[in-house]
PDB file of N, CA and C in Angstrom:
ATOM      1  N   UNK A   1     -24.939  11.280  66.988  1.00  0.00           N
ATOM      2  CA  UNK A   1     -25.094  11.864  65.622  1.00  0.00           C
ATOM      3  C   UNK A   1     -26.623  10.757  64.632  1.00  0.00           C
ATOM      4  N   UNK A   2     -26.118   8.948  65.131  1.00  0.00           N
ATOM      5  CA  UNK A   2     -27.099   8.358  64.388  1.00  0.00           C
ATOM      6  C   UNK A   2     -28.202   8.144  64.934  1.00  0.00           C
ATOM      7  N   UNK A   3     -27.989   8.834  66.323  1.00  0.00           N
ATOM      8  CA  UNK A   3     -29.441   8.856  67.299  1.00  0.00           C
ATOM      9  C   UNK A   3     -30.224   9.879  66.804  1.00  0.00           C
ATOM     10  N   UNK A   4     -29.567  11.803  66.481  1.00  0.00           N
ATOM     11  CA  UNK A   4     -30.036  12.335  66.444  1.00  0.00           C
ATOM     12  C   UNK A   4     -31.032  12.138  64.715  1.00  0.00           C
ATOM     13  N   UNK A   5     -30.363  11.546  64.022  1.00  0.00           N
ATOM     14  CA  UNK A   5     -31.098  11.150  62.807  1.00  0.00           C
ATOM     15  C   UNK A   5     -32.006  10.523  62.610  1.00  0.00           C
ATOM     16  N   UNK A   6     -31.569   9.619  63.606  1.00  0.00           N
ATOM     17  CA  UNK A   6     -32.947   8.099  63.419  1.00  0.00           C
ATOM     18  C   UNK A   6     -34.307   8.656  64.413  1.00  0.00           C
ATOM     19  N   UNK A   7     -34.269   9.827  65.546  1.00  0.00           N
ATOM     20  CA  UNK A   7     -35.166  10.483  65.892  1.00  0.00           C
ATOM     21  C   UNK A   7     -35.509  11.048  65.295  1.00  0.00           C
ATOM     22  N   UNK A   8     -35.254  12.171  64.532  1.00  0.00           N
ATOM     23  CA  UNK A   8     -35.776  12.747  63.365  1.00  0.00           C
ATOM     24  C   UNK A   8     -36.729  12.197  62.013  1.00  0.00           C
ATOM     25  N   UNK A   9     -36.059  11.308  61.862  1.00  0.00           N
ATOM     26  CA  UNK A   9     -36.753  10.486  61.101  1.00  0.00           C
ATOM     27  C   UNK A   9     -37.735   9.788  61.313  1.00  0.00           C
ATOM     28  N   UNK A  10     -37.565   9.262  62.694  1.00  0.00           N
ATOM     29  CA  UNK A  10     -38.645   8.564  63.152  1.00  0.00           C
ATOM     30  C   UNK A  10     -40.310   9.938  63.479  1.00  0.00           C
ATOM     31  N   UNK A  11     -39.741  10.790  63.689  1.00  0.00           N
ATOM     32  CA  UNK A  11     -40.318  11.868  64.353  1.00  0.00           C
ATOM     33  C   UNK A  11     -41.724  12.107  62.919  1.00  0.00           C
ATOM     34  N   UNK A  12     -40.620  12.510  61.572  1.00  0.00           N
ATOM     35  CA  UNK A  12     -41.304  13.100  60.458  1.00  0.00           C
ATOM     36  C   UNK A  12     -42.055  11.910  60.039  1.00  0.00           C
ATOM     37  N   UNK A  13     -41.848   9.981  60.371  1.00  0.00           N
ATOM     38  CA  UNK A  13     -42.859   9.354  59.764  1.00  0.00           C
ATOM     39  C   UNK A  13     -44.095   9.626  60.965  1.00  0.00           C
ATOM     40  N   UNK A  14     -43.778   9.480  61.725  1.00  0.00           N
ATOM     41  CA  UNK A  14     -45.049   9.559  63.052  1.00  0.00           C
ATOM     42  C   UNK A  14     -45.988  10.414  62.514  1.00  0.00           C
ATOM     43  N   UNK A  15     -44.924  12.254  62.517  1.00  0.00           N
ATOM     44  CA  UNK A  15     -46.286  13.047  61.834  1.00  0.00           C
ATOM     45  C   UNK A  15     -47.096  13.690  60.561  1.00  0.00           C
ATOM     46  N   UNK A  16     -46.234  11.988  59.715  1.00  0.00           N
ATOM     47  CA  UNK A  16     -46.833  11.956  58.119  1.00  0.00           C
ATOM     48  C   UNK A  16     -48.339  11.010  58.807  1.00  0.00           C
ATOM     49  N   UNK A  17     -47.938   9.802  59.254  1.00  0.00           N
ATOM     50  CA  UNK A  17     -48.963   8.839  59.761  1.00  0.00           C
ATOM     51  C   UNK A  17     -50.372   9.779  60.908  1.00  0.00           C
ATOM     52  N   UNK A  18     -50.231  10.739  61.718  1.00  0.00           N
ATOM     53  CA  UNK A  18     -50.965  11.328  62.392  1.00  0.00           C
ATOM     54  C   UNK A  18     -51.804  12.107  61.222  1.00  0.00           C
ATOM     55  N   UNK A  19     -50.949  12.924  60.258  1.00  0.00           N
ATOM     56  CA  UNK A  19     -51.548  13.762  59.604  1.00  0.00           C
ATOM     57  C   UNK A  19     -52.404  12.863  58.335  1.00  0.00           C
ATOM     58  N   UNK A  20     -52.151  11.567  58.593  1.00  0.00           N
ATOM     59  CA  UNK A  20     -52.374  10.672  57.061  1.00  0.00           C
ATOM     60  C   UNK A  20     -53.675   9.935  58.513  1.00  0.00           C
ATOM     61  N   UNK A  21     -53.487   9.353  59.408  1.00  0.00           N
ATOM     62  CA  UNK A  21     -54.550   8.474  59.793  1.00  0.00           C
ATOM     63  C   UNK A  21     -54.430   6.928  59.528  1.00  0.00           C
ATOM     64  N   UNK A  22     -53.510   6.744  58.488  1.00  0.00           N
ATOM     65  CA  UNK A  22     -53.069   6.148  57.898  1.00  0.00           C
ATOM     66  C   UNK A  22     -51.707   4.873  58.187  1.00  0.00           C
ATOM     67  N   UNK A  23     -51.866   3.680  57.979  1.00  0.00           N
ATOM     68  CA  UNK A  23     -50.675   3.114  57.711  1.00  0.00           C
ATOM     69  C   UNK A  23     -49.599   4.093  56.443  1.00  0.00           C
ATOM     70  N   UNK A  24     -48.388   3.725  56.169  1.00  0.00           N
ATOM     71  CA  UNK A  24     -48.398   4.594  54.748  1.00  0.00           C
ATOM     72  C   UNK A  24     -46.987   3.125  54.308  1.00  0.00           C
ATOM     73  N   UNK A  25     -47.116   3.451  53.320  1.00  0.00           N
ATOM     74  CA  UNK A  25     -46.978   2.323  52.362  1.00  0.00           C
ATOM     75  C   UNK A  25     -45.325   2.237  51.900  1.00  0.00           C
ATOM     76  N   UNK A  26     -44.369   1.348  51.974  1.00  0.00           N
ATOM     77  CA  UNK A  26     -43.048   1.319  51.809  1.00  0.00           C
ATOM     78  C   UNK A  26     -42.769   2.633  50.433  1.00  0.00           C
ATOM     79  N   UNK A  27     -43.692   2.796  49.649  1.00  0.00           N
ATOM     80  CA  UNK A  27     -43.474   3.613  48.683  1.00  0.00           C
ATOM     81  C   UNK A  27     -43.042   4.665  49.315  1.00  0.00           C
ATOM     82  N   UNK A  28     -44.123   5.477  50.410  1.00  0.00           N
ATOM     83  CA  UNK A  28     -44.474   6.893  50.916  1.00  0.00           C
ATOM     84  C   UNK A  28     -43.431   6.415  52.029  1.00  0.00           C
ATOM     85  N   UNK A  29     -42.657   5.850  52.724  1.00  0.00           N
ATOM     86  CA  UNK A  29     -41.503   5.630  53.218  1.00  0.00           C
ATOM     87  C   UNK A  29     -40.534   6.486  52.788  1.00  0.00           C
ATOM     88  N   UNK A  30     -40.098   5.342  51.667  1.00  0.00           N
ATOM     89  CA  UNK A  30     -38.623   5.555  50.877  1.00  0.00           C
ATOM     90  C   UNK A  30     -39.169   6.980  50.290  1.00  0.00           C
ATOM     91  N   UNK A  31     -40.562   7.871  49.868  1.00  0.00           N
ATOM     92  CA  UNK A  31     -40.573   9.377  49.592  1.00  0.00           C
ATOM     93  C   UNK A  31     -40.403   9.705  50.753  1.00  0.00           C
ATOM     94  N   UNK A  32     -40.166   9.736  52.285  1.00  0.00           N
ATOM     95  CA  UNK A  32     -40.067  10.404  53.076  1.00  0.00           C
ATOM     96  C   UNK A  32     -38.438  10.954  52.979  1.00  0.00           C
ATOM     97  N   UNK A  33     -38.134   9.114  53.233  1.00  0.00           N
ATOM     98  CA  UNK A  33     -36.376   9.430  53.552  1.00  0.00           C
ATOM     99  C   UNK A  33     -35.728   9.672  52.592  1.00  0.00           C
ATOM    100  N   UNK A  34     -36.406  10.033  51.069  1.00  0.00           N
ATOM    101  CA  UNK A  34     -34.916  10.771  49.752  1.00  0.00           C
ATOM    102  C   UNK A  34     -35.326  11.987  50.285  1.00  0.00           C
ATOM    103  N   UNK A  35     -36.534  13.058  50.674  1.00  0.00           N
ATOM    104  CA  UNK A  35     -36.584  13.901  51.417  1.00  0.00           C
ATOM    105  C   UNK A  35     -35.688  14.255  52.586  1.00  0.00           C
ATOM    106  N   UNK A  36     -36.095  13.297  53.807  1.00  0.00           N
ATOM    107  CA  UNK A  36     -35.611  13.913  54.792  1.00  0.00           C
ATOM    108  C   UNK A  36     -33.625  14.118  54.414  1.00  0.00           C
ATOM    109  N   UNK A  37     -32.940  12.441  54.101  1.00  0.00           N
ATOM    110  CA  UNK A  37     -31.938  12.649  53.759  1.00  0.00           C
ATOM    111  C   UNK A  37     -31.093  14.120  53.197  1.00  0.00           C
ATOM    112  N   UNK A  38     -32.228  14.531  52.071  1.00  0.00           N
ATOM    113  CA  UNK A  38     -31.417  15.447  50.763  1.00  0.00           C
ATOM    114  C   UNK A  38     -31.470  17.640  52.046  1.00  0.00           C
ATOM    115  N   UNK A  39     -31.928  16.944  52.982  1.00  0.00           N
ATOM    116  CA  UNK A  39     -32.519  18.271  54.214  1.00  0.00           C
ATOM    117  C   UNK A  39     -30.913  18.568  54.159  1.00  0.00           C
ATOM    118  N   UNK A  40     -30.230  19.727  53.579  1.00  0.00           N
ATOM    119  CA  UNK A  40     -28.898  20.143  53.659  1.00  0.00           C
ATOM    120  C   UNK A  40     -28.246  19.899  55.138  1.00  0.00           C
ATOM    121  N   UNK A  41     -28.922  20.301  56.710  1.00  0.00           N
ATOM    122  CA  UNK A  41     -28.425  20.404  57.430  1.00  0.00           C
ATOM    123  C   UNK A  41     -27.468  18.705  57.887  1.00  0.00           C
ATOM    124  N   UNK A  42     -27.994  17.925  57.148  1.00  0.00           N
ATOM    125  CA  UNK A  42     -26.868  16.782  57.491  1.00  0.00           C
ATOM    126  C   UNK A  42     -26.186  16.234  57.205  1.00  0.00           C
ATOM    127  N   UNK A  43     -25.707  17.173  56.039  1.00  0.00           N
ATOM    128  CA  UNK A  43     -24.204  16.884  54.703  1.00  0.00           C
ATOM    129  C   UNK A  43     -23.033  17.173  55.908  1.00  0.00           C
ATOM    130  N   UNK A  44     -22.922  18.163  56.564  1.00  0.00           N
ATOM    131  CA  UNK A  44     -21.638  18.466  57.705  1.00  0.00           C
ATOM    132  C   UNK A  44     -21.909  17.290  58.576  1.00  0.00           C
ATOM    133  N   UNK A  45     -23.082  16.861  58.940  1.00  0.00           N
ATOM    134  CA  UNK A  45     -22.933  16.312  59.932  1.00  0.00           C
ATOM    135  C   UNK A  45     -22.977  14.380  60.283  1.00  0.00           C
ATOM    136  N   UNK A  46     -23.338  14.478  58.213  1.00  0.00           N
ATOM    137  CA  UNK A  46     -22.525  12.768  58.015  1.00  0.00           C
ATOM    138  C   UNK A  46     -21.371  12.540  57.403  1.00  0.00           C
ATOM    139  N   UNK A  47     -20.571  13.867  57.476  1.00  0.00           N
ATOM    140  CA  UNK A  47     -19.383  13.834  56.738  1.00  0.00           C
ATOM    141  C   UNK A  47     -18.476  13.654  58.020  1.00  0.00           C
ATOM    142  N   UNK A  48     -19.265  14.277  59.311  1.00  0.00           N
ATOM    143  CA  UNK A  48     -18.171  14.622  60.427  1.00  0.00           C
ATOM    144  C   UNK A  48     -18.378  12.949  61.071  1.00  0.00           C
ATOM    145  N   UNK A  49     -19.796  12.277  60.664  1.00  0.00           N
ATOM    146  CA  UNK A  49     -19.361  10.979  61.768  1.00  0.00           C
ATOM    147  C   UNK A  49     -18.472   9.907  60.654  1.00  0.00           C
ATOM    148  N   UNK A  50     -19.302  10.108  59.192  1.00  0.00           N
ATOM    149  CA  UNK A  50     -17.852   9.318  58.468  1.00  0.00           C
ATOM    150  C   UNK A  50     -16.530   9.549  58.998  1.00  0.00           C
ATOM    151  N   UNK A  51     -16.259  10.950  59.187  1.00  0.00           N
ATOM    152  CA  UNK A  51     -14.858  11.028  59.305  1.00  0.00           C
ATOM    153  C   UNK A  51     -14.151   9.909  60.993  1.00  0.00           C
ATOM    154  N   UNK A  52     -14.984   9.914  61.770  1.00  0.00           N
ATOM    155  CA  UNK A  52     -14.686   9.555  62.869  1.00  0.00           C
ATOM    156  C   UNK A  52     -15.127   7.689  62.924  1.00  0.00           C
ATOM    157  N   UNK A  53     -15.826   7.644  61.932  1.00  0.00           N
ATOM    158  CA  UNK A  53     -15.519   6.248  62.286  1.00  0.00           C
ATOM    159  C   UNK A  53     -14.745   5.713  61.051  1.00  0.00           C
ATOM    160  N   UNK A  54     -14.234   6.300  59.700  1.00  0.00           N
ATOM    161  CA  UNK A  54     -13.387   5.703  59.379  1.00  0.00           C
ATOM    162  C   UNK A  54     -12.274   5.803  59.826  1.00  0.00           C
ATOM    163  N   UNK A  55     -12.110   7.015  60.622  1.00  0.00           N
ATOM    164  CA  UNK A  55     -10.258   7.325  61.184  1.00  0.00           C
ATOM    165  C   UNK A  55     -10.448   6.017  62.853  1.00  0.00           C
ATOM    166  N   UNK A  56     -11.378   5.630  63.280  1.00  0.00           N
ATOM    167  CA  UNK A  56     -11.415   5.242  64.429  1.00  0.00           C
ATOM    168  C   UNK A  56     -11.049   3.906  63.799  1.00  0.00           C
ATOM    169  N   UNK A  57     -12.224   3.316  62.741  1.00  0.00           N
ATOM    170  CA  UNK A  57     -12.047   2.006  62.048  1.00  0.00           C
ATOM    171  C   UNK A  57     -10.208   1.569  61.883  1.00  0.00           C
ATOM    172  N   UNK A  58      -9.840   2.979  61.779  1.00  0.00           N
ATOM    173  CA  UNK A  58      -8.157   2.244  60.986  1.00  0.00           C
ATOM    174  C   UNK A  58      -7.514   2.079  62.206  1.00  0.00           C
ATOM    175  N   UNK A  59      -7.279   3.558  63.154  1.00  0.00           N
ATOM    176  CA  UNK A  59      -6.707   3.200  64.415  1.00  0.00           C
ATOM    177  C   UNK A  59      -7.167   2.412  65.357  1.00  0.00           C
ATOM    178  N   UNK A  60      -8.126   1.865  65.817  1.00  0.00           N
ATOM    179  CA  UNK A  60      -8.575   0.570  66.306  1.00  0.00           C
ATOM    180  C   UNK A  60      -8.965  -0.216  66.128  1.00  0.00           C
ATOM    181  N   UNK A  61      -8.680  -0.866  64.631  1.00  0.00           N
ATOM    182  CA  UNK A  61      -8.856  -1.838  64.117  1.00  0.00           C
ATOM    183  C   UNK A  61      -7.873  -2.536  63.010  1.00  0.00           C
ATOM    184  N   UNK A  62      -7.171  -1.525  62.624  1.00  0.00           N
ATOM    185  CA  UNK A  62      -6.567  -1.698  61.526  1.00  0.00           C
ATOM    186  C   UNK A  62      -7.684  -2.015  60.293  1.00  0.00           C
ATOM    187  N   UNK A  63      -8.352  -1.056  59.824  1.00  0.00           N
ATOM    188  CA  UNK A  63      -9.277  -1.686  58.899  1.00  0.00           C
ATOM    189  C   UNK A  63      -9.434  -0.444  58.201  1.00  0.00           C
ATOM    190  N   UNK A  64      -9.057  -0.182  57.013  1.00  0.00           N
ATOM    191  CA  UNK A  64      -8.801   0.499  56.256  1.00  0.00           C
ATOM    192  C   UNK A  64      -9.923   0.199  54.977  1.00  0.00           C
ATOM    193  N   UNK A  65     -11.686   0.917  55.079  1.00  0.00           N
ATOM    194  CA  UNK A  65     -12.468   0.715  53.940  1.00  0.00           C
ATOM    195  C   UNK A  65     -12.055   1.258  52.717  1.00  0.00           C
ATOM    196  N   UNK A  66     -12.192   1.125  51.810  1.00  0.00           N
ATOM    197  CA  UNK A  66     -11.744   1.840  50.512  1.00  0.00           C
ATOM    198  C   UNK A  66     -12.515   3.125  50.684  1.00  0.00           C
ATOM    199  N   UNK A  67     -14.128   2.327  50.803  1.00  0.00           N
ATOM    200  CA  UNK A  67     -14.828   3.804  50.056  1.00  0.00           C
ATOM    201  C   UNK A  67     -14.575   4.941  51.348  1.00  0.00           C
ATOM    202  N   UNK A  68     -13.886   4.425  52.581  1.00  0.00           N
ATOM    203  CA  UNK A  68     -13.990   6.098  53.648  1.00  0.00           C
ATOM    204  C   UNK A  68     -12.652   6.183  53.533  1.00  0.00           C
ATOM    205  N   UNK A  69     -11.933   6.112  52.658  1.00  0.00           N
ATOM    206  CA  UNK A  69     -10.470   6.351  52.909  1.00  0.00           C
ATOM    207  C   UNK A  69      -9.756   8.401  53.355  1.00  0.00           C
ATOM    208  N   UNK A  70     -10.767   8.576  52.075  1.00  0.00           N
ATOM    209  CA  UNK A  70     -10.465  10.426  52.199  1.00  0.00           C
ATOM    210  C   UNK A  70     -11.204  10.465  53.370  1.00  0.00           C
ATOM    211  N   UNK A  71     -11.490  10.380  54.431  1.00  0.00           N
ATOM    212  CA  UNK A  71     -12.635  10.774  55.532  1.00  0.00           C
ATOM    213  C   UNK A  71     -11.454  10.196  56.786  1.00  0.00           C
ATOM    214  N   UNK A  72     -10.381  10.003  56.324  1.00  0.00           N
ATOM    215  CA  UNK A  72      -9.775   9.674  57.846  1.00  0.00           C
ATOM    216  C   UNK A  72      -8.653  10.607  58.537  1.00  0.00           C
ATOM    217  N   UNK A  73      -8.842  10.554  59.453  1.00  0.00           N
ATOM    218  CA  UNK A  73      -7.623  12.143  60.111  1.00  0.00           C
ATOM    219  C   UNK A  73      -6.960  11.157  61.330  1.00  0.00           C
ATOM    220  N   UNK A  74      -6.307  12.331  61.727  1.00  0.00           N
ATOM    221  CA  UNK A  74      -5.561  11.232  62.802  1.00  0.00           C
ATOM    222  C   UNK A  74      -6.147  11.738  63.926  1.00  0.00           C
ATOM    223  N   UNK A  75      -6.198  10.861  64.985  1.00  0.00           N
ATOM    224  CA  UNK A  75      -6.839  11.198  65.858  1.00  0.00           C
ATOM    225  C   UNK A  75      -6.471  11.840  67.379  1.00  0.00           C
ATOM    226  N   UNK A  76      -7.067  12.129  67.742  1.00  0.00           N
ATOM    227  CA  UNK A  76      -6.231  13.064  69.455  1.00  0.00           C
ATOM    228  C   UNK A  76      -5.999  11.916  70.343  1.00  0.00           C
ATOM    229  N   UNK A  77      -4.448  12.471  71.159  1.00  0.00           N
ATOM    230  CA  UNK A  77      -4.443  11.827  72.419  1.00  0.00           C
ATOM    231  C   UNK A  77      -5.019  10.823  73.002  1.00  0.00           C
ATOM    232  N   UNK A  78      -6.231  12.109  73.452  1.00  0.00           N
ATOM    233  CA  UNK A  78      -7.050  11.603  74.490  1.00  0.00           C
ATOM    234  C   UNK A  78      -7.990  10.569  73.773  1.00  0.00           C
ATOM    235  N   UNK A  79      -8.776  10.959  72.279  1.00  0.00           N
ATOM    236  CA  UNK A  79      -9.547   9.821  71.545  1.00  0.00           C
ATOM    237  C   UNK A  79      -9.413   8.342  72.159  1.00  0.00           C
ATOM    238  N   UNK A  80      -8.000   7.954  71.688  1.00  0.00           N
ATOM    239  CA  UNK A  80      -6.673   6.935  72.194  1.00  0.00           C
ATOM    240  C   UNK A  80      -7.189   6.838  73.519  1.00  0.00           C
ATOM    241  N   UNK A  81      -7.043   7.274  74.658  1.00  0.00           N
ATOM    242  CA  UNK A  81      -6.642   7.101  76.096  1.00  0.00           C
ATOM    243  C   UNK A  81      -8.490   6.988  76.050  1.00  0.00           C
ATOM    244  N   UNK A  82      -9.885   7.496  75.713  1.00  0.00           N
ATOM    245  CA  UNK A  82     -10.831   7.616  76.042  1.00  0.00           C
ATOM    246  C   UNK A  82     -11.406   5.855  75.897  1.00  0.00           C
ATOM    247  N   UNK A  83     -10.888   5.530  74.631  1.00  0.00           N
ATOM    248  CA  UNK A  83     -11.043   4.370  73.867  1.00  0.00           C
ATOM    249  C   UNK A  83     -10.235   2.946  74.991  1.00  0.00           C
ATOM    250  N   UNK A  84      -9.239   3.378  75.387  1.00  0.00           N
ATOM    251  CA  UNK A  84      -8.313   2.741  75.603  1.00  0.00           C
ATOM    252  C   UNK A  84      -7.453   2.910  77.333  1.00  0.00           C
ATOM    253  N   UNK A  85      -7.993   3.463  77.735  1.00  0.00           N
ATOM    254  CA  UNK A  85      -7.501   3.501  79.132  1.00  0.00           C
ATOM    255  C   UNK A  85      -8.527   3.156  79.850  1.00  0.00           C
ATOM    256  N   UNK A  86      -8.886   3.385  81.254  1.00  0.00           N
ATOM    257  CA  UNK A  86      -9.513   3.792  82.893  1.00  0.00           C
ATOM    258  C   UNK A  86     -10.855   3.256  82.016  1.00  0.00           C
ATOM    259  N   UNK A  87     -11.462   3.884  81.498  1.00  0.00           N
ATOM    260  CA  UNK A  87     -12.801   4.092  81.274  1.00  0.00           C
ATOM    261  C   UNK A  87     -13.413   2.493  79.808  1.00  0.00           C
ATOM    262  N   UNK A  88     -12.225   1.721  79.494  1.00  0.00           N
ATOM    263  CA  UNK A  88     -12.920   0.628  78.700  1.00  0.00           C
ATOM    264  C   UNK A  88     -12.463  -0.452  78.959  1.00  0.00           C
ATOM    265  N   UNK A  89     -13.113  -1.363  78.409  1.00  0.00           N
ATOM    266  CA  UNK A  89     -13.343  -2.274  79.143  1.00  0.00           C
ATOM    267  C   UNK A  89     -12.551  -3.308  79.376  1.00  0.00           C
ATOM    268  N   UNK A  90     -11.605  -4.265  80.136  1.00  0.00           N
ATOM    269  CA  UNK A  90     -10.823  -5.164  80.035  1.00  0.00           C
ATOM    270  C   UNK A  90     -10.419  -5.901  79.171  1.00  0.00           C
ATOM    271  N   UNK A  91      -9.947  -6.420  78.644  1.00  0.00           N
ATOM    272  CA  UNK A  91      -9.986  -7.336  77.739  1.00  0.00           C
ATOM    273  C   UNK A  91     -10.732  -9.045  78.459  1.00  0.00           C
ATOM    274  N   UNK A  92     -10.663  -9.155  79.493  1.00  0.00           N
ATOM    275  CA  UNK A  92     -10.816 -10.048  80.416  1.00  0.00           C
ATOM    276  C   UNK A  92     -12.827 -10.456  80.412  1.00  0.00           C
ATOM    277  N   UNK A  93     -13.149  -8.718  80.431  1.00  0.00           N
ATOM    278  CA  UNK A  93     -15.239  -8.433  80.337  1.00  0.00           C
ATOM    279  C   UNK A  93     -15.303  -9.070  79.179  1.00  0.00           C
ATOM    280  N   UNK A  94     -14.543  -8.232  77.946  1.00  0.00           N
ATOM    281  CA  UNK A  94     -14.780  -7.859  76.589  1.00  0.00           C
ATOM    282  C   UNK A  94     -14.717 -10.001  76.289  1.00  0.00           C
ATOM    283  N   UNK A  95     -13.742 -10.256  77.088  1.00  0.00           N
ATOM    284  CA  UNK A  95     -13.785 -11.919  76.447  1.00  0.00           C
ATOM    285  C   UNK A  95     -15.114 -12.652  76.967  1.00  0.00           C
ATOM    286  N   UNK A  96     -15.339 -12.402  77.938  1.00  0.00           N
ATOM    287  CA  UNK A  96     -16.696 -13.423  79.170  1.00  0.00           C
ATOM    288  C   UNK A  96     -17.775 -13.152  78.027  1.00  0.00           C
ATOM    289  N   UNK A  97     -17.886 -11.317  77.741  1.00  0.00           N
ATOM    290  CA  UNK A  97     -19.520 -11.048  76.844  1.00  0.00           C
ATOM    291  C   UNK A  97     -19.344 -11.625  75.004  1.00  0.00           C
ATOM    292  N   UNK A  98     -18.408 -11.628  75.143  1.00  0.00           N
ATOM    293  CA  UNK A  98     -18.238 -12.419  73.703  1.00  0.00           C
ATOM    294  C   UNK A  98     -18.702 -13.949  73.634  1.00  0.00           C
ATOM    295  N   UNK A  99     -18.323 -14.768  74.990  1.00  0.00           N
ATOM    296  CA  UNK A  99     -18.201 -16.155  74.751  1.00  0.00           C
ATOM    297  C   UNK A  99     -19.100 -16.419  75.297  1.00  0.00           C
ATOM    298  N   UNK A 100     -20.092 -15.327  76.144  1.00  0.00           N
ATOM    299  CA  UNK A 100     -21.343 -15.767  76.131  1.00  0.00           C
ATOM    300  C   UNK A 100     -22.379 -15.298  74.104  1.00  0.00           C
ATOM    301  N   UNK A 101     -22.280 -13.991  74.482  1.00  0.00           N
ATOM    302  CA  UNK A 101     -22.968 -14.369  72.646  1.00  0.00           C
ATOM    303  C   UNK A 101     -22.259 -15.103  71.874  1.00  0.00           C
ATOM    304  N   UNK A 102     -21.334 -15.804  72.246  1.00  0.00           N
ATOM    305  CA  UNK A 102     -21.170 -16.667  71.421  1.00  0.00           C
ATOM    306  C   UNK A 102     -21.534 -17.990  71.306  1.00  0.00           C
ATOM    307  N   UNK A 103     -22.246 -18.791  72.617  1.00  0.00           N
ATOM    308  CA  UNK A 103     -23.045 -19.752  73.649  1.00  0.00           C
ATOM    309  C   UNK A 103     -24.467 -19.897  72.800  1.00  0.00           C
ATOM    310  N   UNK A 104     -24.701 -18.200  72.539  1.00  0.00           N
ATOM    311  CA  UNK A 104     -26.597 -18.404  72.344  1.00  0.00           C
ATOM    312  C   UNK A 104     -25.865 -18.201  70.938  1.00  0.00           C
ATOM    313  N   UNK A 105     -25.735 -17.519  70.304  1.00  0.00           N
ATOM    314  CA  UNK A 105     -25.949 -17.596  68.680  1.00  0.00           C
ATOM    315  C   UNK A 105     -25.378 -19.446  68.681  1.00  0.00           C
ATOM    316  N   UNK A 106     -24.491 -19.707  69.178  1.00  0.00           N
ATOM    317  CA  UNK A 106     -24.565 -21.832  68.766  1.00  0.00           C
ATOM    318  C   UNK A 106     -26.318 -22.248  68.848  1.00  0.00           C
ATOM    319  N   UNK A 107     -26.303 -21.776  70.198  1.00  0.00           N
ATOM    320  CA  UNK A 107     -27.879 -22.204  70.711  1.00  0.00           C
ATOM    321  C   UNK A 107     -28.995 -21.990  69.480  1.00  0.00           C
ATOM    322  N   UNK A 108     -29.399 -20.959  68.960  1.00  0.00           N
ATOM    323  CA  UNK A 108     -29.914 -20.487  67.898  1.00  0.00           C
ATOM    324  C   UNK A 108     -29.820 -21.129  66.631  1.00  0.00           C
ATOM    325  N   UNK A 109     -28.388 -21.649  66.648  1.00  0.00           N
ATOM    326  CA  UNK A 109     -28.044 -22.257  64.748  1.00  0.00           C
ATOM    327  C   UNK A 109     -28.059 -24.004  64.845  1.00  0.00           C
TER     328      UNK A 109
END
């Protein structure tokens, strides 16, 4: 969903740039984005994405965000399995990756 949204908006920006043959100002980009996000086909897709994000946050991280409370629905058993099962990374792998990231961030700071 997110990649579709990003690709669609990027295509709109590209088309407008090619039509005008000049860089777009921040105001022109804001105006295009306003028109893009108001297209009616996005409404059910955005609702579905919010539902998935809110439900997974609650189920997997015990995080309840007040603004997303209305989007929470129970997860199906296969969604848990996909997240926690063989396809998910082992905790040790996740910790090792996180350790590398933390080292890089520490070196930057």
